Amino acid sequence: MAENRLPEDGDRIAKLLARAGVASRREVERMIADGRVAVDGKVLDTPAVKLANLNGVTVDGKPVGKAEATRLFAFHKPAGLLTAERDPQGRPTIYAALRNALPKEAGRVMPVGRLDFNTEGLLLLTNDGELKRAMELPSSGVPRTYRARAFGDVTQAQLDELVEGIEIDGIRYGRIEADLERGSGKNRWIEMKLTEGKNREVRRVLEHLGLQVNRLMRTAYGPYELADLPRGQAVEIRQVDVERFRKGLLRGIK
């Protein structure tokens, strides 16, 4: 690279590193700000650099390999696991369970979105940081479907009002499609579909309606469903299906 001049061809380095599974774009940008990324020995101070490939790129002094084919795994996360690599409080994380659930050659994978410690169900994992970011963006409109068992009284009419969105304690939650499943008694199952996935969104909305959530599970994320995947197990989604979905999704957010 010429001194003080950035290449004008190729993709931004954050995109390339995310595609290679190093981290998400946002995380890569933080790594660059911390001086951890270099090209041909020159430490970068901006994520605006464009490159045709990752030749000569190092992270923490280690060369970055070429991007592997995008892989996507569906994992049935049990309740009682933290969606993080480690926890200062010593609570168990998903990665302890994934050591036995994923194939040995899976490599580094990142969760697509998060599930709370006590929330169970479908958690997608990928080696592609760009796909992860695209699926998490509210603007992408990728739906997440949940089933919540809640204690209390609520009507379908109350749930129908959530399609207009709702504001709780100054936080605006967008459109939510909610259906009260048939049944009787104080414990009722409610299916909810949303596209934002804000922190504890389902629990906060139902608690605002006067309900106490005692079980919450994600049953679908985009076109991928939990179905009958056993708790604590993972399965890889066919690469041809993942690539078709990835291309369509990235094309839609450009």
C-alpha atoms as a PDB file:
ATOM      1  CA  MET A   1       0.000   0.000   0.000  1.00  0.00           C
ATOM      2  CA  ALA A   2       1.258   3.458  -0.858  1.00  0.00           C
ATOM      3  CA  GLU A   3       1.980   5.636   2.149  1.00  0.00           C
ATOM      4  CA  ASN A   4      -1.140   7.490   3.362  1.00  0.00           C
ATOM      5  CA  ARG A   5      -3.170   6.097   0.498  1.00  0.00           C
ATOM      6  CA  LEU A   6      -5.812   3.419   0.826  1.00  0.00           C
ATOM      7  CA  PRO A   7      -6.517   0.886  -1.912  1.00  0.00           C
ATOM      8  CA  GLU A   8      -9.652   1.612  -3.887  1.00  0.00           C
ATOM      9  CA  ASP A   9     -10.420  -1.891  -5.101  1.00  0.00           C
ATOM     10  CA  GLY A  10     -11.733  -4.930  -3.268  1.00  0.00           C
ATOM     11  CA  ASP A  11     -13.719  -5.206  -0.030  1.00  0.00           C
ATOM     12  CA  ARG A  12     -13.224  -3.510   3.306  1.00  0.00           C
ATOM     13  CA  ILE A  13     -10.910  -5.460   5.554  1.00  0.00           C
ATOM     14  CA  ALA A  14     -13.559  -5.756   8.283  1.00  0.00           C
ATOM     15  CA  LYS A  15     -15.855  -7.490   5.812  1.00  0.00           C
ATOM     16  CA  LEU A  16     -13.102  -9.866   4.672  1.00  0.00           C
ATOM     17  CA  LEU A  17     -12.097 -10.764   8.220  1.00  0.00           C
ATOM     18  CA  ALA A  18     -15.715 -11.293   9.211  1.00  0.00           C
ATOM     19  CA  ARG A  19     -16.223 -13.491   6.164  1.00  0.00           C
ATOM     20  CA  ALA A  20     -13.165 -15.493   7.230  1.00  0.00           C
ATOM     21  CA  GLY A  21     -14.745 -16.107  10.632  1.00  0.00           C
ATOM     22  CA  VAL A  22     -12.288 -14.006  12.664  1.00  0.00           C
ATOM     23  CA  ALA A  23     -15.099 -12.023  14.313  1.00  0.00           C
ATOM     24  CA  SER A  24     -18.125  -9.935  13.424  1.00  0.00           C
ATOM     25  CA  ARG A  25     -17.546  -6.707  11.501  1.00  0.00           C
ATOM     26  CA  ARG A  26     -18.138  -4.613  14.581  1.00  0.00           C
ATOM     27  CA  GLU A  27     -15.710  -6.717  16.612  1.00  0.00           C
ATOM     28  CA  VAL A  28     -13.108  -6.512  13.834  1.00  0.00           C
ATOM     29  CA  GLU A  29     -13.413  -2.724  13.832  1.00  0.00           C
ATOM     30  CA  ARG A  30     -12.715  -2.729  17.576  1.00  0.00           C
ATOM     31  CA  MET A  31      -9.712  -4.995  17.001  1.00  0.00           C
ATOM     32  CA  ILE A  32      -8.364  -2.528  14.435  1.00  0.00           C
ATOM     33  CA  ALA A  33      -8.881   0.363  16.854  1.00  0.00           C
ATOM     34  CA  ASP A  34      -6.874  -1.612  19.424  1.00  0.00           C
ATOM     35  CA  GLY A  35      -3.976  -2.035  16.965  1.00  0.00           C
ATOM     36  CA  ARG A  36      -4.361  -5.803  16.642  1.00  0.00           C
ATOM     37  CA  VAL A  37      -4.639  -5.988  12.826  1.00  0.00           C
ATOM     38  CA  ALA A  38      -1.777  -5.431  10.375  1.00  0.00           C
ATOM     39  CA  VAL A  39      -1.211  -5.693   6.620  1.00  0.00           C
ATOM     40  CA  ASP A  40       2.292  -6.605   5.464  1.00  0.00           C
ATOM     41  CA  GLY A  41       3.560  -5.715   8.924  1.00  0.00           C
ATOM     42  CA  LYS A  42       1.914  -2.291   9.038  1.00  0.00           C
ATOM     43  CA  VAL A  43      -0.548  -1.902  11.911  1.00  0.00           C
ATOM     44  CA  LEU A  44      -3.862  -0.493  10.723  1.00  0.00           C
ATOM     45  CA  ASP A  45      -5.527   2.485  12.373  1.00  0.00           C
ATOM     46  CA  THR A  46      -8.676   2.542  10.203  1.00  0.00           C
ATOM     47  CA  PRO A  47     -11.192  -0.086   9.040  1.00  0.00           C
ATOM     48  CA  ALA A  48     -11.604   1.748   5.714  1.00  0.00           C
ATOM     49  CA  VAL A  49      -8.794  -0.212   4.038  1.00  0.00           C
ATOM     50  CA  LYS A  50      -9.905  -2.214   1.006  1.00  0.00           C
ATOM     51  CA  LEU A  51      -8.198  -5.425  -0.052  1.00  0.00           C
ATOM     52  CA  ALA A  52      -8.689  -8.005  -2.767  1.00  0.00           C
ATOM     53  CA  ASN A  53      -7.823 -10.830  -0.350  1.00  0.00           C
ATOM     54  CA  LEU A  54      -6.299 -11.510   3.057  1.00  0.00           C
ATOM     55  CA  ASN A  55      -2.745 -12.162   1.868  1.00  0.00           C
ATOM     56  CA  GLY A  56      -0.338 -10.522   4.316  1.00  0.00           C
ATOM     57  CA  VAL A  57      -3.030  -9.812   6.902  1.00  0.00           C
ATOM     58  CA  THR A  58      -2.268 -10.729  10.514  1.00  0.00           C
ATOM     59  CA  VAL A  59      -4.345 -10.560  13.686  1.00  0.00           C
ATOM     60  CA  ASP A  60      -2.371 -10.454  16.928  1.00  0.00           C
ATOM     61  CA  GLY A  61       0.686 -11.264  14.841  1.00  0.00           C
ATOM     62  CA  LYS A  62      -0.785 -14.459  13.372  1.00  0.00           C
ATOM     63  CA  PRO A  63      -1.531 -14.838   9.642  1.00  0.00           C
ATOM     64  CA  VAL A  64      -5.190 -15.079   8.703  1.00  0.00           C
ATOM     65  CA  GLY A  65      -6.139 -18.048   6.564  1.00  0.00           C
ATOM     66  CA  LYS A  66      -8.383 -17.778   3.556  1.00  0.00           C
ATOM     67  CA  ALA A  67     -12.123 -17.764   4.110  1.00  0.00           C
ATOM     68  CA  GLU A  68     -13.712 -21.172   4.386  1.00  0.00           C
ATOM     69  CA  ALA A  69     -17.077 -22.056   2.934  1.00  0.00           C
ATOM     70  CA  THR A  70     -19.920 -20.673   5.029  1.00  0.00           C
ATOM     71  CA  ARG A  71     -21.176 -23.195   7.558  1.00  0.00           C
ATOM     72  CA  LEU A  72     -24.287 -22.946   9.691  1.00  0.00           C
ATOM     73  CA  PHE A  73     -25.258 -25.193  12.583  1.00  0.00           C
ATOM     74  CA  ALA A  74     -28.535 -25.469  14.456  1.00  0.00           C
ATOM     75  CA  PHE A  75     -28.067 -26.127  18.168  1.00  0.00           C
ATOM     76  CA  HIS A  76     -30.805 -26.924  20.684  1.00  0.00           C
ATOM     77  CA  LYS A  77     -29.628 -24.815  23.601  1.00  0.00           C
ATOM     78  CA  PRO A  78     -30.803 -26.061  26.991  1.00  0.00           C
ATOM     79  CA  ALA A  79     -31.835 -23.609  29.682  1.00  0.00           C
ATOM     80  CA  GLY A  80     -29.051 -22.863  32.174  1.00  0.00           C
ATOM     81  CA  LEU A  81     -26.300 -22.094  29.666  1.00  0.00           C
ATOM     82  CA  LEU A  82     -24.827 -18.678  28.938  1.00  0.00           C
ATOM     83  CA  THR A  83     -24.448 -17.601  25.304  1.00  0.00           C
ATOM     84  CA  ALA A  84     -20.850 -16.485  25.724  1.00  0.00           C
ATOM     85  CA  GLU A  85     -17.337 -17.917  25.559  1.00  0.00           C
ATOM     86  CA  ARG A  86     -16.712 -17.411  29.271  1.00  0.00           C
ATOM     87  CA  ASP A  87     -18.436 -15.996  32.321  1.00  0.00           C
ATOM     88  CA  PRO A  88     -16.722 -14.136  35.205  1.00  0.00           C
ATOM     89  CA  GLN A  89     -19.314 -15.645  37.543  1.00  0.00           C
ATOM     90  CA  GLY A  90     -18.348 -19.152  36.493  1.00  0.00           C
ATOM     91  CA  ARG A  91     -21.704 -20.107  35.015  1.00  0.00           C
ATOM     92  CA  PRO A  92     -21.678 -22.812  32.313  1.00  0.00           C
ATOM     93  CA  THR A  93     -21.624 -21.612  28.703  1.00  0.00           C
ATOM     94  CA  ILE A  94     -22.811 -23.026  25.404  1.00  0.00           C
ATOM     95  CA  TYR A  95     -19.227 -23.770  24.353  1.00  0.00           C
ATOM     96  CA  ALA A  96     -18.863 -26.477  26.965  1.00  0.00           C
ATOM     97  CA  ALA A  97     -21.867 -28.254  25.469  1.00  0.00           C
ATOM     98  CA  LEU A  98     -20.771 -27.554  21.887  1.00  0.00           C
ATOM     99  CA  ARG A  99     -17.518 -29.475  22.354  1.00  0.00           C
ATOM    100  CA  ASN A 100     -19.552 -32.656  22.241  1.00  0.00           C
ATOM    101  CA  ALA A 101     -22.363 -31.456  19.976  1.00  0.00           C
ATOM    102  CA  LEU A 102     -20.369 -30.101  17.002  1.00  0.00           C
ATOM    103  CA  PRO A 103     -18.181 -32.138  14.647  1.00  0.00           C
ATOM    104  CA  LYS A 104     -14.463 -31.987  15.455  1.00  0.00           C
ATOM    105  CA  GLU A 105     -13.632 -30.079  12.253  1.00  0.00           C
ATOM    106  CA  ALA A 106     -16.287 -27.378  12.804  1.00  0.00           C
ATOM    107  CA  GLY A 107     -13.645 -24.818  13.802  1.00  0.00           C
ATOM    108  CA  ARG A 108     -14.542 -21.493  15.391  1.00  0.00           C
ATOM    109  CA  VAL A 109     -18.235 -20.643  15.281  1.00  0.00           C
ATOM    110  CA  MET A 110     -20.164 -17.635  16.508  1.00  0.00           C
ATOM    111  CA  PRO A 111     -23.749 -17.516  17.772  1.00  0.00           C
ATOM    112  CA  VAL A 112     -26.289 -15.717  15.609  1.00  0.00           C
ATOM    113  CA  GLY A 113     -28.008 -13.558  18.194  1.00  0.00           C
ATOM    114  CA  ARG A 114     -28.239 -14.703  21.780  1.00  0.00           C
ATOM    115  CA  LEU A 115     -30.526 -16.636  24.057  1.00  0.00           C
ATOM    116  CA  ASP A 116     -30.797 -15.648  27.709  1.00  0.00           C
ATOM    117  CA  PHE A 117     -29.378 -17.934  30.383  1.00  0.00           C
ATOM    118  CA  ASN A 118     -32.819 -19.373  31.152  1.00  0.00           C
ATOM    119  CA  THR A 119     -34.113 -19.396  27.566  1.00  0.00           C
ATOM    120  CA  GLU A 120     -33.893 -22.605  25.564  1.00  0.00           C
ATOM    121  CA  GLY A 121     -34.375 -23.593  21.953  1.00  0.00           C
ATOM    122  CA  LEU A 122     -32.850 -22.868  18.568  1.00  0.00           C
ATOM    123  CA  LEU A 123     -29.456 -21.178  18.516  1.00  0.00           C
ATOM    124  CA  LEU A 124     -27.755 -20.853  15.141  1.00  0.00           C
ATOM    125  CA  LEU A 125     -23.955 -20.863  14.946  1.00  0.00           C
ATOM    126  CA  THR A 126     -21.801 -19.884  11.977  1.00  0.00           C
ATOM    127  CA  ASN A 127     -18.172 -19.381  10.960  1.00  0.00           C
ATOM    128  CA  ASP A 128     -19.204 -16.412   8.767  1.00  0.00           C
ATOM    129  CA  GLY A 129     -19.213 -13.081  10.608  1.00  0.00           C
ATOM    130  CA  GLU A 130     -20.861 -11.315   7.690  1.00  0.00           C
ATOM    131  CA  LEU A 131     -23.793 -13.740   7.714  1.00  0.00           C
ATOM    132  CA  LYS A 132     -24.063 -13.418  11.491  1.00  0.00           C
ATOM    133  CA  ARG A 133     -24.314  -9.624  11.258  1.00  0.00           C
ATOM    134  CA  ALA A 134     -26.834  -9.723   8.408  1.00  0.00           C
ATOM    135  CA  MET A 135     -29.124 -12.121  10.264  1.00  0.00           C
ATOM    136  CA  GLU A 136     -28.996 -10.039  13.450  1.00  0.00           C
ATOM    137  CA  LEU A 137     -29.741  -6.655  11.874  1.00  0.00           C
ATOM    138  CA  PRO A 138     -33.348  -5.553  12.530  1.00  0.00           C
ATOM    139  CA  SER A 139     -33.350  -3.961   9.060  1.00  0.00           C
ATOM    140  CA  SER A 140     -32.874  -7.408   7.515  1.00  0.00           C
ATOM    141  CA  GLY A 141     -36.305  -8.395   8.772  1.00  0.00           C
ATOM    142  CA  VAL A 142     -35.304 -11.969   9.620  1.00  0.00           C
ATOM    143  CA  PRO A 143     -38.116 -13.314  11.856  1.00  0.00           C
ATOM    144  CA  ARG A 144     -37.514 -15.058  15.185  1.00  0.00           C
ATOM    145  CA  THR A 145     -40.294 -17.263  16.556  1.00  0.00           C
ATOM    146  CA  TYR A 146     -40.719 -18.053  20.252  1.00  0.00           C
ATOM    147  CA  ARG A 147     -43.095 -20.067  22.419  1.00  0.00           C
ATOM    148  CA  ALA A 148     -43.634 -18.728  25.908  1.00  0.00           C
ATOM    149  CA  ARG A 149     -45.478 -20.400  28.764  1.00  0.00           C
ATOM    150  CA  ALA A 150     -46.846 -17.627  30.927  1.00  0.00           C
ATOM    151  CA  PHE A 151     -48.909 -17.439  34.098  1.00  0.00           C
ATOM    152  CA  GLY A 152     -51.723 -14.914  34.270  1.00  0.00           C
ATOM    153  CA  ASP A 153     -54.664 -13.551  32.322  1.00  0.00           C
ATOM    154  CA  VAL A 154     -54.412 -12.240  28.780  1.00  0.00           C
ATOM    155  CA  THR A 155     -56.715 -12.136  25.777  1.00  0.00           C
ATOM    156  CA  GLN A 156     -56.045 -12.546  22.089  1.00  0.00           C
ATOM    157  CA  ALA A 157     -57.302  -9.001  21.605  1.00  0.00           C
ATOM    158  CA  GLN A 158     -54.540  -7.707  23.889  1.00  0.00           C
ATOM    159  CA  LEU A 159     -51.947  -9.712  21.971  1.00  0.00           C
ATOM    160  CA  ASP A 160     -53.276  -8.464  18.634  1.00  0.00           C
ATOM    161  CA  GLU A 161     -52.425  -4.896  19.664  1.00  0.00           C
ATOM    162  CA  LEU A 162     -48.722  -5.827  19.644  1.00  0.00           C
ATOM    163  CA  VAL A 163     -48.680  -5.748  15.835  1.00  0.00           C
ATOM    164  CA  GLU A 164     -48.549  -1.963  16.183  1.00  0.00           C
ATOM    165  CA  GLY A 165     -45.499  -2.191  18.427  1.00  0.00           C
ATOM    166  CA  ILE A 166     -45.279  -1.105  22.042  1.00  0.00           C
ATOM    167  CA  GLU A 167     -43.175   1.223  24.196  1.00  0.00           C
ATOM    168  CA  ILE A 168     -42.044   0.030  27.631  1.00  0.00           C
ATOM    169  CA  ASP A 169     -39.950   2.185  29.973  1.00  0.00           C
ATOM    170  CA  GLY A 170     -38.849   4.371  27.081  1.00  0.00           C
ATOM    171  CA  ILE A 171     -37.846   1.471  24.832  1.00  0.00           C
ATOM    172  CA  ARG A 172     -39.780   1.037  21.598  1.00  0.00           C
ATOM    173  CA  TYR A 173     -40.439  -2.526  20.444  1.00  0.00           C
ATOM    174  CA  GLY A 174     -41.522  -3.044  16.859  1.00  0.00           C
ATOM    175  CA  ARG A 175     -44.189  -5.245  15.338  1.00  0.00           C
ATOM    176  CA  ILE A 176     -44.870  -8.516  17.176  1.00  0.00           C
ATOM    177  CA  GLU A 177     -47.277 -11.173  15.953  1.00  0.00           C
ATOM    178  CA  ALA A 178     -48.622 -13.067  18.963  1.00  0.00           C
ATOM    179  CA  ASP A 179     -51.098 -15.933  19.158  1.00  0.00           C
ATOM    180  CA  LEU A 180     -52.620 -17.394  22.296  1.00  0.00           C
ATOM    181  CA  GLU A 181     -52.677 -21.155  22.002  1.00  0.00           C
ATOM    182  CA  ARG A 182     -55.806 -23.028  22.978  1.00  0.00           C
ATOM    183  CA  GLY A 183     -56.031 -24.212  26.525  1.00  0.00           C
ATOM    184  CA  SER A 184     -57.393 -23.446  29.934  1.00  0.00           C
ATOM    185  CA  GLY A 185     -56.056 -22.457  33.310  1.00  0.00           C
ATOM    186  CA  LYS A 186     -53.639 -19.740  34.332  1.00  0.00           C
ATOM    187  CA  ASN A 187     -50.615 -21.192  32.494  1.00  0.00           C
ATOM    188  CA  ARG A 188     -50.988 -20.584  28.759  1.00  0.00           C
ATOM    189  CA  TRP A 189     -48.674 -20.978  25.789  1.00  0.00           C
ATOM    190  CA  ILE A 190     -48.184 -17.967  23.535  1.00  0.00           C
ATOM    191  CA  GLU A 191     -46.376 -18.009  20.173  1.00  0.00           C
ATOM    192  CA  MET A 192     -44.629 -14.771  19.248  1.00  0.00           C
ATOM    193  CA  LYS A 193     -42.884 -13.745  16.030  1.00  0.00           C
ATOM    194  CA  LEU A 194     -40.657 -10.659  15.910  1.00  0.00           C
ATOM    195  CA  THR A 195     -37.793  -9.270  13.843  1.00  0.00           C
ATOM    196  CA  GLU A 196     -35.848  -7.009  16.212  1.00  0.00           C
ATOM    197  CA  GLY A 197     -34.686  -9.376  18.936  1.00  0.00           C
ATOM    198  CA  LYS A 198     -33.901  -6.700  21.518  1.00  0.00           C
ATOM    199  CA  ASN A 199     -32.533  -7.800  24.885  1.00  0.00           C
ATOM    200  CA  ARG A 200     -35.180  -9.807  26.806  1.00  0.00           C
ATOM    201  CA  GLU A 201     -37.839  -8.492  24.424  1.00  0.00           C
ATOM    202  CA  VAL A 202     -40.338 -11.355  24.768  1.00  0.00           C
ATOM    203  CA  ARG A 203     -40.123 -11.457  28.562  1.00  0.00           C
ATOM    204  CA  ARG A 204     -40.427  -7.683  28.945  1.00  0.00           C
ATOM    205  CA  VAL A 205     -43.428  -7.423  26.639  1.00  0.00           C
ATOM    206  CA  LEU A 206     -45.319 -10.257  28.353  1.00  0.00           C
ATOM    207  CA  GLU A 207     -44.435  -8.966  31.819  1.00  0.00           C
ATOM    208  CA  HIS A 208     -45.766  -5.563  30.744  1.00  0.00           C
ATOM    209  CA  LEU A 209     -49.077  -7.318  29.999  1.00  0.00           C
ATOM    210  CA  GLY A 210     -49.119  -8.663  33.549  1.00  0.00           C
ATOM    211  CA  LEU A 211     -47.867 -12.156  32.758  1.00  0.00           C
ATOM    212  CA  GLN A 212     -45.161 -14.180  34.481  1.00  0.00           C
ATOM    213  CA  VAL A 213     -43.024 -16.127  31.998  1.00  0.00           C
ATOM    214  CA  ASN A 214     -41.976 -19.477  33.418  1.00  0.00           C
ATOM    215  CA  ARG A 215     -40.637 -21.073  30.239  1.00  0.00           C
ATOM    216  CA  LEU A 216     -39.354 -19.561  27.008  1.00  0.00           C
ATOM    217  CA  MET A 217     -38.004 -21.265  23.931  1.00  0.00           C
ATOM    218  CA  ARG A 218     -37.056 -20.132  20.432  1.00  0.00           C
ATOM    219  CA  THR A 219     -38.522 -22.440  17.817  1.00  0.00           C
ATOM    220  CA  ALA A 220     -37.357 -20.777  14.601  1.00  0.00           C
ATOM    221  CA  TYR A 221     -34.907 -18.204  13.242  1.00  0.00           C
ATOM    222  CA  GLY A 222     -35.533 -17.198   9.652  1.00  0.00           C
ATOM    223  CA  PRO A 223     -36.243 -20.324   7.576  1.00  0.00           C
ATOM    224  CA  TYR A 224     -34.572 -22.621  10.114  1.00  0.00           C
ATOM    225  CA  GLU A 225     -36.672 -24.475  12.695  1.00  0.00           C
ATOM    226  CA  LEU A 226     -35.906 -26.306  15.912  1.00  0.00           C
ATOM    227  CA  ALA A 227     -38.291 -29.123  14.940  1.00  0.00           C
ATOM    228  CA  ASP A 228     -37.416 -32.324  16.827  1.00  0.00           C
ATOM    229  CA  LEU A 229     -33.707 -31.618  17.352  1.00  0.00           C
ATOM    230  CA  PRO A 230     -32.867 -33.142  20.771  1.00  0.00           C
ATOM    231  CA  ARG A 231     -31.849 -30.817  23.601  1.00  0.00           C
ATOM    232  CA  GLY A 232     -28.078 -30.303  23.706  1.00  0.00           C
ATOM    233  CA  GLN A 233     -27.571 -31.603  20.159  1.00  0.00           C
ATOM    234  CA  ALA A 234     -26.494 -29.799  16.976  1.00  0.00           C
ATOM    235  CA  VAL A 235     -26.948 -30.478  13.285  1.00  0.00           C
ATOM    236  CA  GLU A 236     -25.306 -28.836  10.278  1.00  0.00           C
ATOM    237  CA  ILE A 237     -27.562 -27.198   7.712  1.00  0.00           C
ATOM    238  CA  ARG A 238     -26.790 -28.171   4.121  1.00  0.00           C
ATOM    239  CA  GLN A 239     -24.234 -25.786   2.622  1.00  0.00           C
ATOM    240  CA  VAL A 240     -26.193 -25.431  -0.627  1.00  0.00           C
ATOM    241  CA  ASP A 241     -29.210 -24.187   1.367  1.00  0.00           C
ATOM    242  CA  VAL A 242     -27.068 -21.888   3.505  1.00  0.00           C
ATOM    243  CA  GLU A 243     -25.356 -20.353   0.484  1.00  0.00           C
ATOM    244  CA  ARG A 244     -28.679 -19.717  -1.244  1.00  0.00           C
ATOM    245  CA  PHE A 245     -30.046 -18.043   1.883  1.00  0.00           C
ATOM    246  CA  ARG A 246     -26.834 -16.076   2.475  1.00  0.00           C
ATOM    247  CA  LYS A 247     -26.722 -14.634  -1.040  1.00  0.00           C
ATOM    248  CA  GLY A 248     -30.363 -13.601  -0.930  1.00  0.00           C
ATOM    249  CA  LEU A 249     -30.009 -12.022   2.494  1.00  0.00           C
ATOM    250  CA  LEU A 250     -26.833 -10.057   1.705  1.00  0.00           C
ATOM    251  CA  ARG A 251     -28.276  -8.913  -1.594  1.00  0.00           C
ATOM    252  CA  GLY A 252     -31.296  -7.549   0.232  1.00  0.00           C
ATOM    253  CA  ILE A 253     -29.329  -5.363   2.679  1.00  0.00           C
ATOM    254  CA  LYS A 254     -26.851  -3.795   0.277  1.00  0.00           C
END
